[in-house]
Amino acid sequence: MFVTERVRLERRLARLVAAIEPDGMIWVAWPKKAARVPTDVTEDVVRELALAAGVVDVKVCAIDATWSGLKLVVRVADRRR
């Protein structure tokens, strides 16, 4: 999901985490500071909201000159067996 607003990220992330398969993933992308896109989302914000929602980040990437992304997954200890 591509986001520029913390409030929207928080709402959407909660719904996605509730629907994710135990071995699934969610990619969250936000604008880089250098892109000068108005946003209140940063890597730290994504990580903070992800941890609160019960998922952890396992990969970070530069999507392009404007967007960065974090791959989120369910903690191994929380996956059903």
PDB file of N, CA and C in Angstrom:
ATOM      1  N   MET A   1       0.833  -1.163   0.000  1.00  0.00           N
ATOM      2  CA  MET A   1       0.000   0.000   0.000  1.00  0.00           C
ATOM      3  C   MET A   1       0.883   1.233   0.000  1.00  0.00           C
ATOM      4  N   PHE A   2       0.512   2.243  -0.743  1.00  0.00           N
ATOM      5  CA  PHE A   2       1.234   3.507  -0.796  1.00  0.00           C
ATOM      6  C   PHE A   2       0.485   4.511   0.069  1.00  0.00           C
ATOM      7  N   VAL A   3       1.189   5.141   1.012  1.00  0.00           N
ATOM      8  CA  VAL A   3       0.538   6.063   1.940  1.00  0.00           C
ATOM      9  C   VAL A   3       1.351   7.344   2.105  1.00  0.00           C
ATOM     10  N   THR A   4       0.622   8.410   2.413  1.00  0.00           N
ATOM     11  CA  THR A   4       1.271   9.681   2.736  1.00  0.00           C
ATOM     12  C   THR A   4       0.776  10.226   4.074  1.00  0.00           C
ATOM     13  N   GLU A   5      -0.252   9.600   4.654  1.00  0.00           N
ATOM     14  CA  GLU A   5      -0.833  10.080   5.910  1.00  0.00           C
ATOM     15  C   GLU A   5      -0.820   8.983   6.968  1.00  0.00           C
ATOM     16  N   ARG A   6      -0.273   9.309   8.131  1.00  0.00           N
ATOM     17  CA  ARG A   6      -0.181   8.363   9.244  1.00  0.00           C
ATOM     18  C   ARG A   6      -1.557   7.791   9.617  1.00  0.00           C
ATOM     19  N   VAL A   7      -2.552   8.656   9.693  1.00  0.00           N
ATOM     20  CA  VAL A   7      -3.893   8.226  10.102  1.00  0.00           C
ATOM     21  C   VAL A   7      -4.441   7.167   9.146  1.00  0.00           C
ATOM     22  N   ARG A   8      -4.250   7.380   7.863  1.00  0.00           N
ATOM     23  CA  ARG A   8      -4.726   6.398   6.873  1.00  0.00           C
ATOM     24  C   ARG A   8      -3.938   5.098   6.966  1.00  0.00           C
ATOM     25  N   LEU A   9      -2.639   5.214   7.181  1.00  0.00           N
ATOM     26  CA  LEU A   9      -1.809   4.021   7.348  1.00  0.00           C
ATOM     27  C   LEU A   9      -2.291   3.206   8.533  1.00  0.00           C
ATOM     28  N   GLU A  10      -2.542   3.865   9.637  1.00  0.00           N
ATOM     29  CA  GLU A  10      -2.978   3.165  10.845  1.00  0.00           C
ATOM     30  C   GLU A  10      -4.276   2.401  10.599  1.00  0.00           C
ATOM     31  N   ARG A  11      -5.244   3.050   9.955  1.00  0.00           N
ATOM     32  CA  ARG A  11      -6.536   2.399   9.672  1.00  0.00           C
ATOM     33  C   ARG A  11      -6.380   1.234   8.698  1.00  0.00           C
ATOM     34  N   ARG A  12      -5.686   1.476   7.607  1.00  0.00           N
ATOM     35  CA  ARG A  12      -5.548   0.441   6.578  1.00  0.00           C
ATOM     36  C   ARG A  12      -4.699  -0.723   7.063  1.00  0.00           C
ATOM     37  N   LEU A  13      -3.660  -0.424   7.822  1.00  0.00           N
ATOM     38  CA  LEU A  13      -2.777  -1.475   8.317  1.00  0.00           C
ATOM     39  C   LEU A  13      -3.531  -2.419   9.245  1.00  0.00           C
ATOM     40  N   ALA A  14      -4.370  -1.878  10.098  1.00  0.00           N
ATOM     41  CA  ALA A  14      -5.149  -2.722  11.013  1.00  0.00           C
ATOM     42  C   ALA A  14      -6.012  -3.713  10.232  1.00  0.00           C
ATOM     43  N   ARG A  15      -6.645  -3.244   9.166  1.00  0.00           N
ATOM     44  CA  ARG A  15      -7.492  -4.134   8.352  1.00  0.00           C
ATOM     45  C   ARG A  15      -6.660  -5.187   7.625  1.00  0.00           C
ATOM     46  N   LEU A  16      -5.527  -4.778   7.088  1.00  0.00           N
ATOM     47  CA  LEU A  16      -4.681  -5.724   6.362  1.00  0.00           C
ATOM     48  C   LEU A  16      -4.081  -6.775   7.288  1.00  0.00           C
ATOM     49  N   VAL A  17      -3.638  -6.365   8.456  1.00  0.00           N
ATOM     50  CA  VAL A  17      -3.056  -7.320   9.411  1.00  0.00           C
ATOM     51  C   VAL A  17      -4.111  -8.332   9.843  1.00  0.00           C
ATOM     52  N   ALA A  18      -5.346  -7.885  10.013  1.00  0.00           N
ATOM     53  CA  ALA A  18      -6.424  -8.801  10.403  1.00  0.00           C
ATOM     54  C   ALA A  18      -6.687  -9.845   9.319  1.00  0.00           C
ATOM     55  N   ALA A  19      -6.383  -9.518   8.076  1.00  0.00           N
ATOM     56  CA  ALA A  19      -6.679 -10.416   6.959  1.00  0.00           C
ATOM     57  C   ALA A  19      -5.472 -11.208   6.465  1.00  0.00           C
ATOM     58  N   ILE A  20      -4.282 -10.893   6.935  1.00  0.00           N
ATOM     59  CA  ILE A  20      -3.067 -11.514   6.405  1.00  0.00           C
ATOM     60  C   ILE A  20      -2.987 -12.999   6.778  1.00  0.00           C
ATOM     61  N   GLU A  21      -2.506 -13.801   5.851  1.00  0.00           N
ATOM     62  CA  GLU A  21      -2.225 -15.211   6.131  1.00  0.00           C
ATOM     63  C   GLU A  21      -0.981 -15.279   7.018  1.00  0.00           C
ATOM     64  N   PRO A  22      -0.839 -16.332   7.825  1.00  0.00           N
ATOM     65  CA  PRO A  22       0.326 -16.427   8.717  1.00  0.00           C
ATOM     66  C   PRO A  22       1.665 -16.304   7.994  1.00  0.00           C
ATOM     67  N   ASP A  23       1.739 -16.799   6.768  1.00  0.00           N
ATOM     68  CA  ASP A  23       2.997 -16.705   6.024  1.00  0.00           C
ATOM     69  C   ASP A  23       2.936 -15.628   4.937  1.00  0.00           C
ATOM     70  N   GLY A  24       1.964 -14.720   5.068  1.00  0.00           N
ATOM     71  CA  GLY A  24       1.793 -13.649   4.093  1.00  0.00           C
ATOM     72  C   GLY A  24       2.675 -12.447   4.378  1.00  0.00           C
ATOM     73  N   MET A  25       2.493 -11.416   3.581  1.00  0.00           N
ATOM     74  CA  MET A  25       3.283 -10.196   3.742  1.00  0.00           C
ATOM     75  C   MET A  25       2.459  -8.991   3.335  1.00  0.00           C
ATOM     76  N   ILE A  26       2.882  -7.846   3.827  1.00  0.00           N
ATOM     77  CA  ILE A  26       2.295  -6.557   3.460  1.00  0.00           C
ATOM     78  C   ILE A  26       3.459  -5.631   3.127  1.00  0.00           C
ATOM     79  N   TRP A  27       3.389  -4.987   1.991  1.00  0.00           N
ATOM     80  CA  TRP A  27       4.384  -3.962   1.658  1.00  0.00           C
ATOM     81  C   TRP A  27       3.757  -2.602   1.913  1.00  0.00           C
ATOM     82  N   VAL A  28       4.478  -1.754   2.630  1.00  0.00           N
ATOM     83  CA  VAL A  28       4.035  -0.378   2.880  1.00  0.00           C
ATOM     84  C   VAL A  28       5.067   0.559   2.263  1.00  0.00           C
ATOM     85  N   ALA A  29       4.589   1.495   1.451  1.00  0.00           N
ATOM     86  CA  ALA A  29       5.474   2.468   0.807  1.00  0.00           C
ATOM     87  C   ALA A  29       5.088   3.876   1.237  1.00  0.00           C
ATOM     88  N   TRP A  30       6.107   4.712   1.438  1.00  0.00           N
ATOM     89  CA  TRP A  30       5.904   6.102   1.840  1.00  0.00           C
ATOM     90  C   TRP A  30       6.899   6.966   1.071  1.00  0.00           C
ATOM     91  N   PRO A  31       6.603   8.257   0.919  1.00  0.00           N
ATOM     92  CA  PRO A  31       7.509   9.132   0.170  1.00  0.00           C
ATOM     93  C   PRO A  31       8.809   9.400   0.927  1.00  0.00           C
ATOM     94  N   LYS A  32       9.898   9.382   0.184  1.00  0.00           N
ATOM     95  CA  LYS A  32      11.197   9.733   0.763  1.00  0.00           C
ATOM     96  C   LYS A  32      11.210  11.226   1.085  1.00  0.00           C
ATOM     97  N   LYS A  33      11.998  11.607   2.070  1.00  0.00           N
ATOM     98  CA  LYS A  33      12.112  13.031   2.420  1.00  0.00           C
ATOM     99  C   LYS A  33      12.598  13.844   1.226  1.00  0.00           C
ATOM    100  N   ALA A  34      13.544  13.307   0.478  1.00  0.00           N
ATOM    101  CA  ALA A  34      14.108  14.023  -0.668  1.00  0.00           C
ATOM    102  C   ALA A  34      13.084  14.261  -1.777  1.00  0.00           C
ATOM    103  N   ALA A  35      11.990  13.498  -1.775  1.00  0.00           N
ATOM    104  CA  ALA A  35      10.973  13.645  -2.813  1.00  0.00           C
ATOM    105  C   ALA A  35      10.127  14.900  -2.610  1.00  0.00           C
ATOM    106  N   ARG A  36      10.169  15.443  -1.426  1.00  0.00           N
ATOM    107  CA  ARG A  36       9.416  16.660  -1.087  1.00  0.00           C
ATOM    108  C   ARG A  36       7.914  16.500  -1.293  1.00  0.00           C
ATOM    109  N   VAL A  37       7.416  15.303  -1.092  1.00  0.00           N
ATOM    110  CA  VAL A  37       5.980  15.036  -1.121  1.00  0.00           C
ATOM    111  C   VAL A  37       5.460  15.277   0.296  1.00  0.00           C
ATOM    112  N   PRO A  38       4.394  16.056   0.454  1.00  0.00           N
ATOM    113  CA  PRO A  38       3.869  16.299   1.802  1.00  0.00           C
ATOM    114  C   PRO A  38       3.434  14.982   2.461  1.00  0.00           C
ATOM    115  N   THR A  39       3.991  14.692   3.634  1.00  0.00           N
ATOM    116  CA  THR A  39       3.684  13.444   4.327  1.00  0.00           C
ATOM    117  C   THR A  39       4.061  13.552   5.792  1.00  0.00           C
ATOM    118  N   ASP A  40       3.387  12.776   6.617  1.00  0.00           N
ATOM    119  CA  ASP A  40       3.797  12.642   8.018  1.00  0.00           C
ATOM    120  C   ASP A  40       4.198  11.193   8.296  1.00  0.00           C
ATOM    121  N   VAL A  41       4.479  10.441   7.230  1.00  0.00           N
ATOM    122  CA  VAL A  41       4.882   9.041   7.348  1.00  0.00           C
ATOM    123  C   VAL A  41       6.382   8.933   7.074  1.00  0.00           C
ATOM    124  N   THR A  42       7.072   8.218   7.961  1.00  0.00           N
ATOM    125  CA  THR A  42       8.497   7.926   7.803  1.00  0.00           C
ATOM    126  C   THR A  42       8.697   6.437   8.053  1.00  0.00           C
ATOM    127  N   GLU A  43       9.899   5.967   7.833  1.00  0.00           N
ATOM    128  CA  GLU A  43      10.207   4.565   8.131  1.00  0.00           C
ATOM    129  C   GLU A  43       9.928   4.258   9.599  1.00  0.00           C
ATOM    130  N   ASP A  44      10.288   5.169  10.486  1.00  0.00           N
ATOM    131  CA  ASP A  44      10.045   4.957  11.917  1.00  0.00           C
ATOM    132  C   ASP A  44       8.560   4.877  12.236  1.00  0.00           C
ATOM    133  N   VAL A  45       7.746   5.683  11.579  1.00  0.00           N
ATOM    134  CA  VAL A  45       6.292   5.651  11.789  1.00  0.00           C
ATOM    135  C   VAL A  45       5.732   4.312  11.319  1.00  0.00           C
ATOM    136  N   VAL A  46       6.145   3.863  10.135  1.00  0.00           N
ATOM    137  CA  VAL A  46       5.666   2.574   9.618  1.00  0.00           C
ATOM    138  C   VAL A  46       6.040   1.462  10.591  1.00  0.00           C
ATOM    139  N   ARG A  47       7.278   1.458  11.048  1.00  0.00           N
ATOM    140  CA  ARG A  47       7.747   0.421  11.972  1.00  0.00           C
ATOM    141  C   ARG A  47       6.960   0.463  13.290  1.00  0.00           C
ATOM    142  N   GLU A  48       6.757   1.655  13.829  1.00  0.00           N
ATOM    143  CA  GLU A  48       6.012   1.814  15.085  1.00  0.00           C
ATOM    144  C   GLU A  48       4.589   1.268  14.965  1.00  0.00           C
ATOM    145  N   LEU A  49       3.887   1.645  13.901  1.00  0.00           N
ATOM    146  CA  LEU A  49       2.514   1.190  13.711  1.00  0.00           C
ATOM    147  C   LEU A  49       2.462  -0.305  13.406  1.00  0.00           C
ATOM    148  N   ALA A  50       3.436  -0.803  12.673  1.00  0.00           N
ATOM    149  CA  ALA A  50       3.490  -2.232  12.361  1.00  0.00           C
ATOM    150  C   ALA A  50       3.660  -3.053  13.633  1.00  0.00           C
ATOM    151  N   LEU A  51       4.599  -2.672  14.470  1.00  0.00           N
ATOM    152  CA  LEU A  51       4.828  -3.407  15.722  1.00  0.00           C
ATOM    153  C   LEU A  51       3.583  -3.389  16.594  1.00  0.00           C
ATOM    154  N   ALA A  52       2.925  -2.244  16.669  1.00  0.00           N
ATOM    155  CA  ALA A  52       1.697  -2.136  17.465  1.00  0.00           C
ATOM    156  C   ALA A  52       0.588  -3.021  16.899  1.00  0.00           C
ATOM    157  N   ALA A  53       0.605  -3.241  15.584  1.00  0.00           N
ATOM    158  CA  ALA A  53      -0.412  -4.068  14.929  1.00  0.00           C
ATOM    159  C   ALA A  53      -0.059  -5.554  14.942  1.00  0.00           C
ATOM    160  N   GLY A  54       1.142  -5.900  15.405  1.00  0.00           N
ATOM    161  CA  GLY A  54       1.514  -7.304  15.518  1.00  0.00           C
ATOM    162  C   GLY A  54       2.325  -7.868  14.370  1.00  0.00           C
ATOM    163  N   VAL A  55       2.880  -7.003  13.533  1.00  0.00           N
ATOM    164  CA  VAL A  55       3.748  -7.467  12.453  1.00  0.00           C
ATOM    165  C   VAL A  55       5.115  -6.794  12.589  1.00  0.00           C
ATOM    166  N   VAL A  56       6.108  -7.389  11.936  1.00  0.00           N
ATOM    167  CA  VAL A  56       7.475  -6.864  12.010  1.00  0.00           C
ATOM    168  C   VAL A  56       8.004  -6.634  10.598  1.00  0.00           C
ATOM    169  N   ASP A  57       8.984  -5.740  10.494  1.00  0.00           N
ATOM    170  CA  ASP A  57       9.582  -5.490   9.186  1.00  0.00           C
ATOM    171  C   ASP A  57      10.769  -6.422   8.987  1.00  0.00           C
ATOM    172  N   VAL A  58      10.898  -6.922   7.757  1.00  0.00           N
ATOM    173  CA  VAL A  58      11.989  -7.844   7.444  1.00  0.00           C
ATOM    174  C   VAL A  58      12.814  -7.385   6.246  1.00  0.00           C
ATOM    175  N   LYS A  59      12.340  -6.368   5.546  1.00  0.00           N
ATOM    176  CA  LYS A  59      13.061  -5.905   4.361  1.00  0.00           C
ATOM    177  C   LYS A  59      12.697  -4.451   4.092  1.00  0.00           C
ATOM    178  N   VAL A  60      13.684  -3.682   3.677  1.00  0.00           N
ATOM    179  CA  VAL A  60      13.458  -2.293   3.270  1.00  0.00           C
ATOM    180  C   VAL A  60      13.963  -2.139   1.845  1.00  0.00           C
ATOM    181  N   CYS A  61      13.297  -1.289   1.068  1.00  0.00           N
ATOM    182  CA  CYS A  61      13.763  -1.092  -0.302  1.00  0.00           C
ATOM    183  C   CYS A  61      13.480   0.327  -0.772  1.00  0.00           C
ATOM    184  N   ALA A  62      14.251   0.749  -1.753  1.00  0.00           N
ATOM    185  CA  ALA A  62      13.996   1.993  -2.469  1.00  0.00           C
ATOM    186  C   ALA A  62      13.229   1.602  -3.728  1.00  0.00           C
ATOM    187  N   ILE A  63      11.978   1.976  -3.791  1.00  0.00           N
ATOM    188  CA  ILE A  63      11.147   1.604  -4.936  1.00  0.00           C
ATOM    189  C   ILE A  63      11.549   2.414  -6.166  1.00  0.00           C
ATOM    190  N   ASP A  64      11.689   3.713  -5.965  1.00  0.00           N
ATOM    191  CA  ASP A  64      12.154   4.606  -7.024  1.00  0.00           C
ATOM    192  C   ASP A  64      12.658   5.886  -6.370  1.00  0.00           C
ATOM    193  N   ALA A  65      12.768   6.958  -7.121  1.00  0.00           N
ATOM    194  CA  ALA A  65      13.297   8.208  -6.571  1.00  0.00           C
ATOM    195  C   ALA A  65      12.353   8.849  -5.558  1.00  0.00           C
ATOM    196  N   THR A  66      11.084   8.455  -5.571  1.00  0.00           N
ATOM    197  CA  THR A  66      10.087   9.062  -4.687  1.00  0.00           C
ATOM    198  C   THR A  66       9.735   8.191  -3.494  1.00  0.00           C
ATOM    199  N   TRP A  67       9.669   6.880  -3.672  1.00  0.00           N
ATOM    200  CA  TRP A  67       9.100   5.994  -2.660  1.00  0.00           C
ATOM    201  C   TRP A  67      10.115   5.026  -2.059  1.00  0.00           C
ATOM    202  N   SER A  68       9.980   4.809  -0.742  1.00  0.00           N
ATOM    203  CA  SER A  68      10.677   3.739  -0.017  1.00  0.00           C
ATOM    204  C   SER A  68       9.625   2.747   0.444  1.00  0.00           C
ATOM    205  N   GLY A  69      10.047   1.523   0.761  1.00  0.00           N
ATOM    206  CA  GLY A  69       9.083   0.523   1.195  1.00  0.00           C
ATOM    207  C   GLY A  69       9.621  -0.383   2.281  1.00  0.00           C
ATOM    208  N   LEU A  70       8.716  -0.898   3.104  1.00  0.00           N
ATOM    209  CA  LEU A  70       9.038  -1.903   4.119  1.00  0.00           C
ATOM    210  C   LEU A  70       8.145  -3.109   3.898  1.00  0.00           C
ATOM    211  N   LYS A  71       8.738  -4.287   3.965  1.00  0.00           N
ATOM    212  CA  LYS A  71       7.993  -5.541   3.894  1.00  0.00           C
ATOM    213  C   LYS A  71       7.679  -5.956   5.325  1.00  0.00           C
ATOM    214  N   LEU A  72       6.399  -6.182   5.608  1.00  0.00           N
ATOM    215  CA  LEU A  72       5.943  -6.558   6.946  1.00  0.00           C
ATOM    216  C   LEU A  72       5.411  -7.982   6.932  1.00  0.00           C
ATOM    217  N   VAL A  73       5.728  -8.731   7.985  1.00  0.00           N
ATOM    218  CA  VAL A  73       5.256 -10.111   8.121  1.00  0.00           C
ATOM    219  C   VAL A  73       4.825 -10.361   9.561  1.00  0.00           C
ATOM    220  N   VAL A  74       4.047 -11.426   9.747  1.00  0.00           N
ATOM    221  CA  VAL A  74       3.667 -11.864  11.089  1.00  0.00           C
ATOM    222  C   VAL A  74       4.910 -12.434  11.763  1.00  0.00           C
ATOM    223  N   ARG A  75       5.109 -12.103  13.033  1.00  0.00           N
ATOM    224  CA  ARG A  75       6.247 -12.660  13.776  1.00  0.00           C
ATOM    225  C   ARG A  75       6.215 -14.183  13.699  1.00  0.00           C
ATOM    226  N   VAL A  76       7.362 -14.798  13.564  1.00  0.00           N
ATOM    227  CA  VAL A  76       7.444 -16.261  13.483  1.00  0.00           C
ATOM    228  C   VAL A  76       6.766 -16.895  14.690  1.00  0.00           C
ATOM    229  N   ALA A  77       6.993 -16.359  15.870  1.00  0.00           N
ATOM    230  CA  ALA A  77       6.415 -16.924  17.098  1.00  0.00           C
ATOM    231  C   ALA A  77       4.891 -16.839  17.111  1.00  0.00           C
ATOM    232  N   ASP A  78       4.317 -15.925  16.320  1.00  0.00           N
ATOM    233  CA  ASP A  78       2.861 -15.741  16.301  1.00  0.00           C
ATOM    234  C   ASP A  78       2.174 -16.500  15.175  1.00  0.00           C
ATOM    235  N   ARG A  79       2.939 -17.163  14.334  1.00  0.00           N
ATOM    236  CA  ARG A  79       2.338 -17.905  13.222  1.00  0.00           C
ATOM    237  C   ARG A  79       1.761 -19.215  13.726  1.00  0.00           C
ATOM    238  N   ARG A  80       0.572 -19.529  13.220  1.00  0.00           N
ATOM    239  CA  ARG A  80      -0.050 -20.819  13.562  1.00  0.00           C
ATOM    240  C   ARG A  80       0.718 -21.940  12.888  1.00  0.00           C
ATOM    241  N   ARG A  81       0.771 -23.061  13.548  1.00  0.00           N
ATOM    242  CA  ARG A  81       1.468 -24.221  12.955  1.00  0.00           C
ATOM    243  C   ARG A  81       0.501 -25.273  12.551  1.00  0.00           C
TER     244      ARG A  81
END
